[in-house]
Amino acid sequence: MNGRTLFGVVLIVIGIIALVYQGFTYTTHKKVLDIGPIQATKEEHQTIPVPPVIGIIAVISGVAVLALGRSK
């Protein structure tokens, strides 16, 4: 498997993952109260959406890279 084929496969996999999950979520811990030995924290869940267009473009690009790699 050469570099071009591997790159095409990676693009396709990333595109499919982007289409399936449509974003990713992460958690941050925020200090709400800090009075001496007493501390209170709050968990905030934040989501960063990934538009489906990015996944589609990645899949199409991966297929194009594979197709161009086979024709040469």
N, C-alpha and C. Protein backbone atom coordinates (compact mmCIF):
# COMPACT_ATOMS: atom_id res chain seq x y z
N MET A 1 0.85 -1.16 0.00
CA MET A 1 0.00 0.00 0.00
C MET A 1 0.91 1.24 0.00
N ASN A 2 0.81 2.03 -1.04
CA ASN A 2 1.66 3.21 -1.09
C ASN A 2 1.00 4.38 -0.35
N GLY A 3 1.70 5.52 -0.31
CA GLY A 3 1.23 6.67 0.45
C GLY A 3 -0.07 7.26 -0.07
N ARG A 4 -0.23 7.28 -1.38
CA ARG A 4 -1.43 7.86 -1.97
C ARG A 4 -2.67 7.02 -1.64
N THR A 5 -2.53 5.71 -1.72
CA THR A 5 -3.65 4.82 -1.38
C THR A 5 -4.01 4.95 0.09
N LEU A 6 -3.01 4.99 0.95
CA LEU A 6 -3.25 5.13 2.38
C LEU A 6 -3.95 6.46 2.68
N PHE A 7 -3.52 7.53 2.02
CA PHE A 7 -4.14 8.84 2.22
C PHE A 7 -5.61 8.81 1.78
N GLY A 8 -5.91 8.16 0.66
CA GLY A 8 -7.28 8.05 0.20
C GLY A 8 -8.17 7.29 1.17
N VAL A 9 -7.65 6.19 1.70
CA VAL A 9 -8.41 5.39 2.66
C VAL A 9 -8.65 6.19 3.95
N VAL A 10 -7.63 6.91 4.40
CA VAL A 10 -7.78 7.72 5.62
C VAL A 10 -8.83 8.81 5.42
N LEU A 11 -8.83 9.45 4.25
CA LEU A 11 -9.85 10.46 3.97
C LEU A 11 -11.26 9.86 3.99
N ILE A 12 -11.41 8.70 3.41
CA ILE A 12 -12.73 8.05 3.40
C ILE A 12 -13.18 7.71 4.82
N VAL A 13 -12.28 7.18 5.62
CA VAL A 13 -12.63 6.82 7.00
C VAL A 13 -12.99 8.06 7.81
N ILE A 14 -12.21 9.13 7.68
CA ILE A 14 -12.52 10.37 8.40
C ILE A 14 -13.86 10.94 7.95
N GLY A 15 -14.15 10.87 6.64
CA GLY A 15 -15.43 11.35 6.13
C GLY A 15 -16.60 10.56 6.68
N ILE A 16 -16.47 9.26 6.74
CA ILE A 16 -17.55 8.42 7.27
C ILE A 16 -17.77 8.70 8.75
N ILE A 17 -16.67 8.85 9.51
CA ILE A 17 -16.80 9.17 10.93
C ILE A 17 -17.47 10.52 11.12
N ALA A 18 -17.12 11.51 10.30
CA ALA A 18 -17.74 12.83 10.39
C ALA A 18 -19.23 12.76 10.07
N LEU A 19 -19.62 11.91 9.13
CA LEU A 19 -21.04 11.78 8.79
C LEU A 19 -21.82 11.05 9.88
N VAL A 20 -21.20 10.08 10.52
CA VAL A 20 -21.90 9.30 11.54
C VAL A 20 -22.07 10.09 12.83
N TYR A 21 -20.99 10.70 13.32
CA TYR A 21 -21.04 11.36 14.62
C TYR A 21 -21.51 12.81 14.55
N GLN A 22 -21.34 13.51 13.46
CA GLN A 22 -21.82 14.87 13.25
C GLN A 22 -21.30 15.86 14.29
N GLY A 23 -20.16 15.58 14.90
CA GLY A 23 -19.56 16.49 15.86
C GLY A 23 -18.94 15.72 17.00
N PHE A 24 -18.31 16.45 17.91
CA PHE A 24 -17.75 15.78 19.07
C PHE A 24 -18.01 16.62 20.31
N THR A 25 -18.09 15.93 21.45
CA THR A 25 -18.43 16.54 22.72
C THR A 25 -17.24 16.41 23.67
N TYR A 26 -17.00 17.47 24.43
CA TYR A 26 -15.97 17.40 25.45
C TYR A 26 -16.50 18.04 26.72
N THR A 27 -15.86 17.72 27.85
CA THR A 27 -16.30 18.19 29.15
C THR A 27 -15.22 19.06 29.77
N THR A 28 -15.63 20.18 30.32
CA THR A 28 -14.71 21.04 31.06
C THR A 28 -15.19 21.15 32.49
N HIS A 29 -14.25 21.32 33.40
CA HIS A 29 -14.57 21.50 34.81
C HIS A 29 -14.30 22.96 35.16
N LYS A 30 -15.30 23.60 35.72
CA LYS A 30 -15.20 25.02 36.04
C LYS A 30 -15.37 25.19 37.55
N LYS A 31 -14.46 25.94 38.16
CA LYS A 31 -14.53 26.19 39.60
C LYS A 31 -15.59 27.27 39.84
N VAL A 32 -16.60 26.93 40.64
CA VAL A 32 -17.70 27.85 40.91
C VAL A 32 -17.48 28.57 42.23
N LEU A 33 -16.98 27.84 43.24
CA LEU A 33 -16.83 28.39 44.57
C LEU A 33 -15.50 27.92 45.15
N ASP A 34 -14.74 28.85 45.71
CA ASP A 34 -13.46 28.50 46.34
C ASP A 34 -13.28 29.38 47.56
N ILE A 35 -13.78 28.86 48.69
CA ILE A 35 -13.67 29.59 49.96
C ILE A 35 -12.87 28.70 50.92
N GLY A 36 -11.58 28.95 51.01
CA GLY A 36 -10.72 28.18 51.90
C GLY A 36 -10.74 26.71 51.51
N PRO A 37 -11.09 25.84 52.47
CA PRO A 37 -11.10 24.40 52.17
C PRO A 37 -12.35 23.95 51.40
N ILE A 38 -13.31 24.85 51.24
CA ILE A 38 -14.55 24.49 50.54
C ILE A 38 -14.42 24.87 49.08
N GLN A 39 -14.62 23.88 48.22
CA GLN A 39 -14.55 24.12 46.78
C GLN A 39 -15.75 23.46 46.10
N ALA A 40 -16.26 24.13 45.10
CA ALA A 40 -17.35 23.56 44.31
C ALA A 40 -17.00 23.73 42.83
N THR A 41 -17.19 22.66 42.09
CA THR A 41 -16.91 22.70 40.65
C THR A 41 -18.17 22.33 39.88
N LYS A 42 -18.16 22.73 38.63
CA LYS A 42 -19.29 22.45 37.76
C LYS A 42 -18.76 21.85 36.46
N GLU A 43 -19.40 20.78 36.02
CA GLU A 43 -19.03 20.16 34.74
C GLU A 43 -19.87 20.79 33.63
N GLU A 44 -19.20 21.23 32.58
CA GLU A 44 -19.91 21.78 31.43
C GLU A 44 -19.62 20.90 30.22
N HIS A 45 -20.66 20.41 29.59
CA HIS A 45 -20.53 19.59 28.38
C HIS A 45 -20.72 20.51 27.18
N GLN A 46 -19.73 20.53 26.32
CA GLN A 46 -19.80 21.38 25.14
C GLN A 46 -19.66 20.53 23.89
N THR A 47 -20.41 20.89 22.87
CA THR A 47 -20.40 20.15 21.61
C THR A 47 -19.92 21.05 20.48
N ILE A 48 -19.02 20.53 19.68
CA ILE A 48 -18.57 21.23 18.48
C ILE A 48 -19.15 20.46 17.30
N PRO A 49 -20.09 21.07 16.59
CA PRO A 49 -20.71 20.37 15.47
C PRO A 49 -19.80 20.33 14.24
N VAL A 50 -19.87 19.23 13.51
CA VAL A 50 -19.16 19.10 12.24
C VAL A 50 -20.22 19.00 11.15
N PRO A 51 -20.25 19.96 10.24
CA PRO A 51 -21.27 19.93 9.20
C PRO A 51 -21.13 18.68 8.31
N PRO A 52 -22.24 18.10 7.89
CA PRO A 52 -22.19 16.92 7.03
C PRO A 52 -21.45 17.16 5.72
N VAL A 53 -21.41 18.41 5.27
CA VAL A 53 -20.72 18.73 4.02
C VAL A 53 -19.24 18.37 4.11
N ILE A 54 -18.64 18.56 5.28
CA ILE A 54 -17.22 18.23 5.46
C ILE A 54 -17.01 16.73 5.30
N GLY A 55 -17.90 15.93 5.86
CA GLY A 55 -17.80 14.48 5.70
C GLY A 55 -17.96 14.05 4.26
N ILE A 56 -18.91 14.65 3.57
CA ILE A 56 -19.14 14.32 2.15
C ILE A 56 -17.92 14.69 1.32
N ILE A 57 -17.36 15.87 1.57
CA ILE A 57 -16.18 16.31 0.82
C ILE A 57 -15.00 15.37 1.08
N ALA A 58 -14.84 14.93 2.32
CA ALA A 58 -13.73 14.03 2.65
C ALA A 58 -13.89 12.68 1.95
N VAL A 59 -15.11 12.15 1.91
CA VAL A 59 -15.35 10.86 1.25
C VAL A 59 -15.11 10.99 -0.25
N ILE A 60 -15.64 12.04 -0.85
CA ILE A 60 -15.45 12.23 -2.30
C ILE A 60 -13.96 12.43 -2.62
N SER A 61 -13.27 13.19 -1.79
CA SER A 61 -11.83 13.40 -2.02
C SER A 61 -11.06 12.09 -1.89
N GLY A 62 -11.41 11.28 -0.92
CA GLY A 62 -10.74 9.99 -0.75
C GLY A 62 -10.96 9.07 -1.93
N VAL A 63 -12.18 9.04 -2.44
CA VAL A 63 -12.48 8.21 -3.62
C VAL A 63 -11.72 8.74 -4.83
N ALA A 64 -11.64 10.07 -4.96
CA ALA A 64 -10.90 10.65 -6.09
C ALA A 64 -9.42 10.32 -6.01
N VAL A 65 -8.85 10.38 -4.82
CA VAL A 65 -7.43 10.06 -4.65
C VAL A 65 -7.19 8.58 -5.01
N LEU A 66 -8.09 7.71 -4.57
CA LEU A 66 -7.94 6.29 -4.91
C LEU A 66 -8.08 6.06 -6.41
N ALA A 67 -9.03 6.74 -7.03
CA ALA A 67 -9.25 6.58 -8.48
C ALA A 67 -8.06 7.10 -9.28
N LEU A 68 -7.51 8.22 -8.88
CA LEU A 68 -6.36 8.77 -9.59
C LEU A 68 -5.12 7.92 -9.37
N GLY A 69 -5.02 7.31 -8.21
CA GLY A 69 -3.86 6.47 -7.91
C GLY A 69 -3.89 5.18 -8.72
N ARG A 70 -5.06 4.67 -9.04
CA ARG A 70 -5.17 3.43 -9.81
C ARG A 70 -4.98 3.65 -11.32
N SER A 71 -5.30 4.86 -11.77
CA SER A 71 -5.22 5.09 -13.22
C SER A 71 -3.78 5.27 -13.71
N LYS A 72 -2.87 5.57 -12.81
CA LYS A 72 -1.48 5.78 -13.23
C LYS A 72 -0.65 4.53 -13.15
